[in-house]
């Protein structure tokens, strides 16, 4: 009997140790940045910190062109201000700076973004342009190259994302798309222009039936996983009274396509992997980051219906805050149990395995 009691005591002790260990495991709850921070892109810098960049916003009565935040763990974020302190000469009089993407190229950082050009560059059919800027540090300041990378009508030329594809030995830029397909084109080696002789290729398009979901596609993010390239993209209305955003996915054996959507590949009724849930609506325009344990995390914005405006005069569903959720891989496709609202295990960062 004494042996049994000792064994039971030992088991209980182990249970207490296990419970204590679990209680020390870091957790998080969405949102991880409870402020207007649309279209977030996140990178891990050599200093061991994560840097997030986002579409413009007003703070304290002043415009921030490209928002910047920093974190040691992807959960607790410090807002740093403006990554693009000085507007480019070609967009010095306008205030539309959208959807940044930052890549590290050796000791240099390259910022791609969309902006509305000044009237001197514009005509009746010209809308947004893609811009490119560089900096010596992830916090900037970024200095524009001096001219747009590409301009077009409406908001066709928006939402750039750069991928350095080692398999093909190419640097690629994805962008788009207004009501056109998302596109990809090879970049020059310095990333500041398109490769000579290259041309854009169409990848995924809006629904072919008028009025069907999605009426537009945008916000491309491409990763390589298990021998496939996965194109995450969003559509359709990001915000406002008719906000109806969601994240979709397609995949290909090549970074330049052709891409097959989840719907096409599996026969499912749609390609959505992240959509509204509870008080979270219009989730989308994501980036993806891999933690120190090799787990993939989607970083995205969504609207909290309990706080849908930054200011009382703003349209509803325009305050887009930053969320994260883990990506699980099932049968060759990503799966996301989100937008999450519970307290969950946090990403594993270096030195905290």
Protein backbone atom coordinates (compact mmCIF):
# COMPACT_ATOMS: atom_id res chain seq x y z
CA UNK A 1 0.00 0.00 0.00
CA UNK A 2 2.89 2.33 0.86
CA UNK A 3 4.44 1.66 -2.56
CA UNK A 4 1.14 2.47 -4.31
CA UNK A 5 0.78 5.70 -2.37
CA UNK A 6 4.34 6.70 -3.22
CA UNK A 7 3.71 5.97 -6.89
CA UNK A 8 0.50 7.99 -6.85
CA UNK A 9 2.36 10.83 -5.15
CA UNK A 10 5.06 10.69 -7.79
CA UNK A 11 2.49 10.80 -10.59
CA UNK A 12 0.73 13.75 -9.01
CA UNK A 13 4.08 15.47 -8.66
CA UNK A 14 4.77 14.92 -12.34
CA UNK A 15 1.34 16.29 -13.12
CA UNK A 16 2.06 19.41 -11.14
CA UNK A 17 5.36 19.84 -12.93
CA UNK A 18 3.62 19.36 -16.29
CA UNK A 19 0.93 21.88 -15.38
CA UNK A 20 3.53 24.37 -14.27
CA UNK A 21 5.45 23.88 -17.50
CA UNK A 22 2.30 24.42 -19.50
CA UNK A 23 1.50 27.56 -17.54
CA UNK A 24 4.91 28.97 -18.50
CA UNK A 25 4.31 28.41 -22.20
CA UNK A 26 3.85 31.81 -23.87
CA UNK A 27 0.39 32.51 -25.23
CA UNK A 28 -1.30 35.20 -27.28
CA UNK A 29 -4.77 36.45 -28.11
CA UNK A 30 -5.82 38.49 -31.12
CA UNK A 31 -5.37 41.24 -32.00
CA UNK A 32 -1.61 41.40 -31.53
CA UNK A 33 -1.60 45.05 -32.59
CA UNK A 34 -4.83 46.79 -31.66
CA UNK A 35 -4.53 49.82 -33.95
CA UNK A 36 -5.25 50.61 -37.58
CA UNK A 37 -2.47 48.64 -39.33
CA UNK A 38 -3.73 47.43 -42.73
CA UNK A 39 -2.00 45.08 -45.18
CA UNK A 40 0.78 43.97 -42.82
CA UNK A 41 4.01 42.42 -44.04
CA UNK A 42 6.47 40.96 -41.51
CA UNK A 43 10.17 40.10 -41.81
CA UNK A 44 12.75 38.70 -39.38
CA UNK A 45 15.90 40.85 -39.33
CA UNK A 46 19.45 39.76 -38.37
CA UNK A 47 19.06 41.54 -35.03
CA UNK A 48 16.57 38.82 -34.06
CA UNK A 49 13.61 41.18 -34.12
CA UNK A 50 10.52 41.11 -36.31
CA UNK A 51 9.60 44.21 -38.30
CA UNK A 52 6.09 44.85 -39.60
CA UNK A 53 5.15 47.36 -42.30
CA UNK A 54 1.65 48.53 -43.16
CA UNK A 55 -0.48 50.86 -45.27
CA UNK A 56 -0.66 54.54 -44.32
CA UNK A 57 -2.73 55.81 -41.41
CA UNK A 58 -3.36 58.99 -39.45
CA UNK A 59 -2.04 59.17 -35.93
CA UNK A 60 -2.20 62.22 -33.72
CA UNK A 61 -3.51 64.28 -36.62
CA UNK A 62 -0.51 63.42 -38.83
CA UNK A 63 -0.15 61.04 -41.75
CA UNK A 64 2.25 58.11 -41.50
CA UNK A 65 3.10 57.07 -45.05
CA UNK A 66 4.36 53.54 -44.38
CA UNK A 67 3.67 52.32 -40.87
CA UNK A 68 6.43 50.50 -38.99
CA UNK A 69 6.33 48.32 -35.88
CA UNK A 70 8.81 46.00 -34.14
CA UNK A 71 8.51 42.91 -31.97
CA UNK A 72 10.71 40.31 -30.27
CA UNK A 73 8.05 37.60 -30.28
CA UNK A 74 5.38 38.39 -32.94
CA UNK A 75 2.93 39.06 -30.10
CA UNK A 76 3.99 42.27 -28.38
CA UNK A 77 4.52 45.11 -30.86
CA UNK A 78 6.04 48.58 -30.53
CA UNK A 79 4.98 51.14 -33.14
CA UNK A 80 8.02 53.00 -34.42
CA UNK A 81 6.53 55.60 -36.76
CA UNK A 82 7.16 56.07 -40.49
CA UNK A 83 9.45 53.88 -42.61
CA UNK A 84 9.10 56.30 -45.54
CA UNK A 85 9.81 59.65 -43.87
CA UNK A 86 10.08 61.56 -47.14
CA UNK A 87 7.54 61.15 -49.91
CA UNK A 88 8.95 60.36 -53.35
CA UNK A 89 9.27 63.28 -55.74
CA UNK A 90 6.74 61.67 -58.08
CA UNK A 91 4.11 61.39 -55.31
CA UNK A 92 4.97 64.36 -53.11
CA UNK A 93 1.54 66.02 -53.27
CA UNK A 94 -0.70 62.99 -52.85
CA UNK A 95 -1.52 60.85 -49.83
CA UNK A 96 -2.07 57.26 -50.93
CA UNK A 97 0.67 54.90 -49.76
CA UNK A 98 -0.52 51.32 -49.69
CA UNK A 99 0.48 47.75 -48.98
CA UNK A 100 4.26 47.74 -48.49
CA UNK A 101 6.52 44.73 -48.89
CA UNK A 102 10.10 44.67 -47.60
CA UNK A 103 12.86 42.25 -48.62
CA UNK A 104 16.38 41.96 -47.25
CA UNK A 105 19.07 41.74 -49.91
CA UNK A 106 22.39 41.31 -48.15
CA UNK A 107 23.00 44.46 -46.13
CA UNK A 108 20.30 46.38 -47.97
CA UNK A 109 16.53 46.45 -47.48
CA UNK A 110 14.18 47.02 -50.41
CA UNK A 111 10.70 48.45 -49.92
CA UNK A 112 8.01 47.97 -52.58
CA UNK A 113 4.77 49.89 -52.21
CA UNK A 114 1.88 51.47 -54.13
CA UNK A 115 1.25 55.22 -54.33
CA UNK A 116 -0.87 57.74 -56.19
CA UNK A 117 1.32 59.87 -58.48
CA UNK A 118 1.19 63.65 -58.62
CA UNK A 119 -1.00 65.30 -61.24
CA UNK A 120 2.07 66.03 -63.36
CA UNK A 121 2.47 62.29 -63.97
CA UNK A 122 -1.20 61.50 -64.21
CA UNK A 123 -3.74 61.40 -67.00
CA UNK A 124 -7.41 60.56 -66.92
CA UNK A 125 -6.72 56.83 -67.11
CA UNK A 126 -3.73 56.59 -64.80
CA UNK A 127 -4.25 55.51 -61.24
CA UNK A 128 -1.82 53.92 -58.81
CA UNK A 129 1.88 53.27 -59.35
CA UNK A 130 4.32 50.77 -57.87
CA UNK A 131 7.27 52.39 -56.12
CA UNK A 132 10.56 51.03 -54.81
CA UNK A 133 12.87 52.41 -52.10
CA UNK A 134 15.96 51.21 -50.24
CA UNK A 135 17.44 51.50 -46.75
CA UNK A 136 20.46 50.28 -44.81
CA UNK A 137 18.37 49.10 -41.85
CA UNK A 138 14.96 47.46 -41.46
CA UNK A 139 13.63 50.52 -39.61
CA UNK A 140 14.67 52.77 -42.50
CA UNK A 141 14.51 55.51 -43.40
CA UNK A 142 13.77 54.24 -46.90
CA UNK A 143 14.73 56.44 -49.84
CA UNK A 144 12.74 56.18 -53.05
CA UNK A 145 14.51 55.24 -56.29
CA UNK A 146 13.29 58.50 -57.86
CA UNK A 147 10.73 57.15 -60.30
CA UNK A 148 7.84 54.66 -60.28
CA UNK A 149 8.49 51.05 -61.17
CA UNK A 150 5.17 50.77 -62.99
CA UNK A 151 1.98 52.84 -63.39
CA UNK A 152 -1.48 51.94 -64.65
CA UNK A 153 -5.18 52.75 -64.56
CA UNK A 154 -7.31 52.60 -61.43
CA UNK A 155 -5.85 50.39 -58.73
CA UNK A 156 -4.45 47.67 -61.00
CA UNK A 157 -0.85 48.30 -59.95
CA UNK A 158 -0.99 47.75 -56.19
CA UNK A 159 0.01 45.24 -53.51
CA UNK A 160 3.57 44.30 -54.56
CA UNK A 161 5.29 41.22 -53.12
CA UNK A 162 8.87 40.16 -53.96
CA UNK A 163 10.10 36.56 -53.95
CA UNK A 164 13.70 35.48 -54.39
CA UNK A 165 13.19 32.07 -56.00
CA UNK A 166 16.35 29.93 -55.61
CA UNK A 167 14.90 27.11 -57.70
CA UNK A 168 14.67 29.29 -60.80
CA UNK A 169 17.45 31.69 -59.84
CA UNK A 170 15.11 34.63 -60.29
CA UNK A 171 13.76 37.53 -58.30
CA UNK A 172 10.05 37.90 -58.96
CA UNK A 173 7.52 40.62 -58.26
CA UNK A 174 3.84 39.78 -57.78
CA UNK A 175 1.25 42.54 -57.79
CA UNK A 176 -2.34 43.52 -58.54
CA UNK A 177 -4.91 43.63 -59.35
CA UNK A 178 -7.99 45.87 -59.32
CA UNK A 179 -10.43 43.85 -61.40
CA UNK A 180 -7.64 42.15 -63.37
CA UNK A 181 -5.63 39.00 -62.60
CA UNK A 182 -2.75 38.99 -60.13
CA UNK A 183 0.49 39.20 -62.12
CA UNK A 184 4.13 38.16 -61.80
CA UNK A 185 7.23 39.44 -63.60
CA UNK A 186 10.97 38.89 -63.22
CA UNK A 187 12.99 41.65 -61.59
CA UNK A 188 16.51 42.80 -62.42
CA UNK A 189 19.20 41.56 -60.07
CA UNK A 190 19.19 44.79 -58.06
CA UNK A 191 15.40 44.59 -57.61
CA UNK A 192 14.93 48.21 -58.65
CA UNK A 193 13.55 47.53 -62.13
CA UNK A 194 12.05 44.70 -64.13
CA UNK A 195 14.42 42.30 -65.88
CA UNK A 196 15.23 43.30 -69.43
CA UNK A 197 13.07 41.39 -71.89
CA UNK A 198 10.65 40.17 -69.19
CA UNK A 199 6.90 40.59 -69.35
CA UNK A 200 4.06 40.12 -66.87
CA UNK A 201 2.19 36.83 -66.58
CA UNK A 202 -1.38 36.49 -65.32
CA UNK A 203 -1.83 34.07 -62.41
CA UNK A 204 -5.22 34.04 -60.66
CA UNK A 205 -8.23 36.09 -61.72
CA UNK A 206 -11.50 37.33 -60.23
CA UNK A 207 -14.62 35.24 -60.61
CA UNK A 208 -15.61 34.98 -64.31
CA UNK A 209 -19.29 35.47 -63.48
CA UNK A 210 -20.31 39.08 -62.83
CA UNK A 211 -21.21 39.65 -59.19
CA UNK A 212 -19.81 36.30 -58.02
CA UNK A 213 -17.16 36.09 -55.29
CA UNK A 214 -14.49 37.33 -55.60
CA UNK A 215 -15.19 40.33 -57.80
CA UNK A 216 -11.55 41.31 -57.40
CA UNK A 217 -8.33 39.68 -56.19
CA UNK A 218 -5.29 41.30 -54.55
CA UNK A 219 -2.71 41.01 -51.78
CA UNK A 220 -0.55 38.20 -53.18
CA UNK A 221 1.91 36.37 -50.92
CA UNK A 222 3.88 33.38 -52.24
CA UNK A 223 5.82 30.76 -50.26
CA UNK A 224 7.45 27.44 -51.13
CA UNK A 225 6.37 24.43 -49.07
CA UNK A 226 6.83 20.73 -49.74
CA UNK A 227 7.82 21.18 -53.37
CA UNK A 228 4.87 23.47 -54.16
CA UNK A 229 4.54 27.22 -54.47
CA UNK A 230 1.48 28.49 -52.63
CA UNK A 231 -0.12 31.77 -53.67
CA UNK A 232 -2.19 33.31 -50.88
CA UNK A 233 -4.44 36.12 -52.06
CA UNK A 234 -7.44 38.13 -50.86
CA UNK A 235 -10.73 39.50 -52.22
CA UNK A 236 -13.02 41.23 -52.61
CA UNK A 237 -14.06 44.43 -50.69
CA UNK A 238 -11.39 45.01 -48.06
CA UNK A 239 -13.30 47.52 -45.98
CA UNK A 240 -16.13 50.00 -45.73
CA UNK A 241 -19.88 49.34 -45.50
CA UNK A 242 -19.69 46.42 -47.98
CA UNK A 243 -16.58 44.77 -46.51
CA UNK A 244 -16.47 41.18 -47.73
CA UNK A 245 -12.81 40.16 -47.53
CA UNK A 246 -11.36 36.66 -47.24
CA UNK A 247 -8.08 34.82 -47.91
CA UNK A 248 -7.87 32.26 -50.71
CA UNK A 249 -5.08 29.99 -51.94
CA UNK A 250 -3.74 28.41 -55.12
CA UNK A 251 -0.64 26.31 -55.79
CA UNK A 252 1.84 25.50 -58.54
CA UNK A 253 5.06 23.59 -59.12
CA UNK A 254 6.56 26.82 -60.47
CA UNK A 255 6.74 30.26 -58.87
CA UNK A 256 5.54 31.71 -62.17
CA UNK A 257 2.59 29.37 -62.52
CA UNK A 258 0.31 28.18 -63.82
CA UNK A 259 -1.49 28.16 -60.47
CA UNK A 260 -4.43 25.92 -59.64
CA UNK A 261 -6.81 27.25 -57.01
CA UNK A 262 -8.02 25.16 -54.09
CA UNK A 263 -11.44 25.13 -55.70
CA UNK A 264 -10.10 23.87 -59.03
CA UNK A 265 -7.85 21.24 -57.47
CA UNK A 266 -10.28 19.74 -54.96
CA UNK A 267 -13.76 20.48 -56.28
CA UNK A 268 -14.60 22.51 -53.19
CA UNK A 269 -17.16 25.29 -53.73
CA UNK A 270 -14.53 28.00 -53.15
CA UNK A 271 -10.84 28.55 -52.40
CA UNK A 272 -11.33 30.39 -49.08
CA UNK A 273 -9.13 29.37 -46.14
CA UNK A 274 -9.76 32.36 -43.85
CA UNK A 275 -13.02 34.28 -43.59
CA UNK A 276 -15.19 36.18 -41.11
CA UNK A 277 -15.87 34.58 -37.74
CA UNK A 278 -17.63 36.00 -34.71
CA UNK A 279 -16.83 39.68 -34.24
CA UNK A 280 -13.93 39.46 -36.72
CA UNK A 281 -14.92 40.37 -40.26
CA UNK A 282 -13.09 41.01 -43.55
CA UNK A 283 -9.84 39.20 -42.67
CA UNK A 284 -7.15 39.31 -45.31
CA UNK A 285 -4.14 40.79 -47.07
CA UNK A 286 -1.69 38.53 -45.32
CA UNK A 287 2.00 37.89 -45.03
CA UNK A 288 3.54 34.65 -43.75
CA UNK A 289 6.39 34.17 -41.30
CA UNK A 290 8.00 30.95 -40.04
CA UNK A 291 8.89 30.73 -36.34
CA UNK A 292 11.97 29.14 -34.76
CA UNK A 293 10.20 25.77 -34.49
CA UNK A 294 9.40 25.71 -38.21
CA UNK A 295 5.73 26.57 -37.76
CA UNK A 296 4.17 28.86 -40.35
CA UNK A 297 2.08 31.81 -39.17
CA UNK A 298 -0.26 34.00 -41.16
CA UNK A 299 -0.18 37.69 -40.28
CA UNK A 300 -3.18 39.63 -41.54
CA UNK A 301 -5.64 42.40 -40.82
CA UNK A 302 -9.29 42.17 -39.85
CA UNK A 303 -12.05 44.45 -38.60
CA UNK A 304 -13.35 44.12 -35.05
CA UNK A 305 -17.06 44.88 -35.30
CA UNK A 306 -16.95 46.12 -31.69
CA UNK A 307 -14.55 48.89 -32.78
CA UNK A 308 -14.93 49.28 -36.57
CA UNK A 309 -13.77 52.91 -36.86
CA UNK A 310 -10.63 54.78 -35.88
CA UNK A 311 -12.57 58.06 -35.58
CA UNK A 312 -16.35 58.62 -35.26
CA UNK A 313 -16.49 60.29 -38.68
CA UNK A 314 -14.81 57.35 -40.45
CA UNK A 315 -16.75 54.87 -42.55
CA UNK A 316 -17.56 51.61 -40.77
CA UNK A 317 -15.16 48.69 -41.15
CA UNK A 318 -12.15 50.86 -41.91
CA UNK A 319 -10.16 50.22 -38.71
CA UNK A 320 -8.13 47.17 -39.66
CA UNK A 321 -6.05 45.71 -36.83
CA UNK A 322 -3.30 43.07 -36.98
CA UNK A 323 -3.91 39.42 -36.13
CA UNK A 324 -1.86 36.22 -36.33
CA UNK A 325 -2.84 32.57 -36.52
CA UNK A 326 -0.94 29.37 -37.10
CA UNK A 327 -1.08 27.60 -40.45
CA UNK A 328 -1.56 23.83 -40.41
CA UNK A 329 -0.80 21.75 -43.50
CA UNK A 330 -3.29 19.04 -44.44
CA UNK A 331 -3.25 16.96 -47.61
CA UNK A 332 -0.99 19.41 -49.37
CA UNK A 333 -3.01 22.53 -48.54
CA UNK A 334 -2.86 25.16 -45.78
CA UNK A 335 -5.57 25.24 -43.12
CA UNK A 336 -6.23 28.06 -40.64
CA UNK A 337 -8.49 27.88 -37.59
CA UNK A 338 -9.20 31.57 -37.48
CA UNK A 339 -9.65 34.37 -37.02
CA UNK A 340 -9.03 33.09 -33.52
CA UNK A 341 -10.43 34.73 -30.42
CA UNK A 342 -9.16 32.38 -27.72
CA UNK A 343 -5.81 32.50 -25.93
CA UNK A 344 -3.51 30.13 -27.81
CA UNK A 345 0.09 28.95 -27.81
CA UNK A 346 2.30 31.72 -29.16
CA UNK A 347 4.92 31.44 -31.90
CA UNK A 348 8.26 29.98 -30.85
CA UNK A 349 11.06 32.50 -31.21
CA UNK A 350 14.83 32.04 -31.08
CA UNK A 351 16.05 31.19 -27.61
CA UNK A 352 12.58 30.16 -26.40
CA UNK A 353 12.10 26.58 -27.54
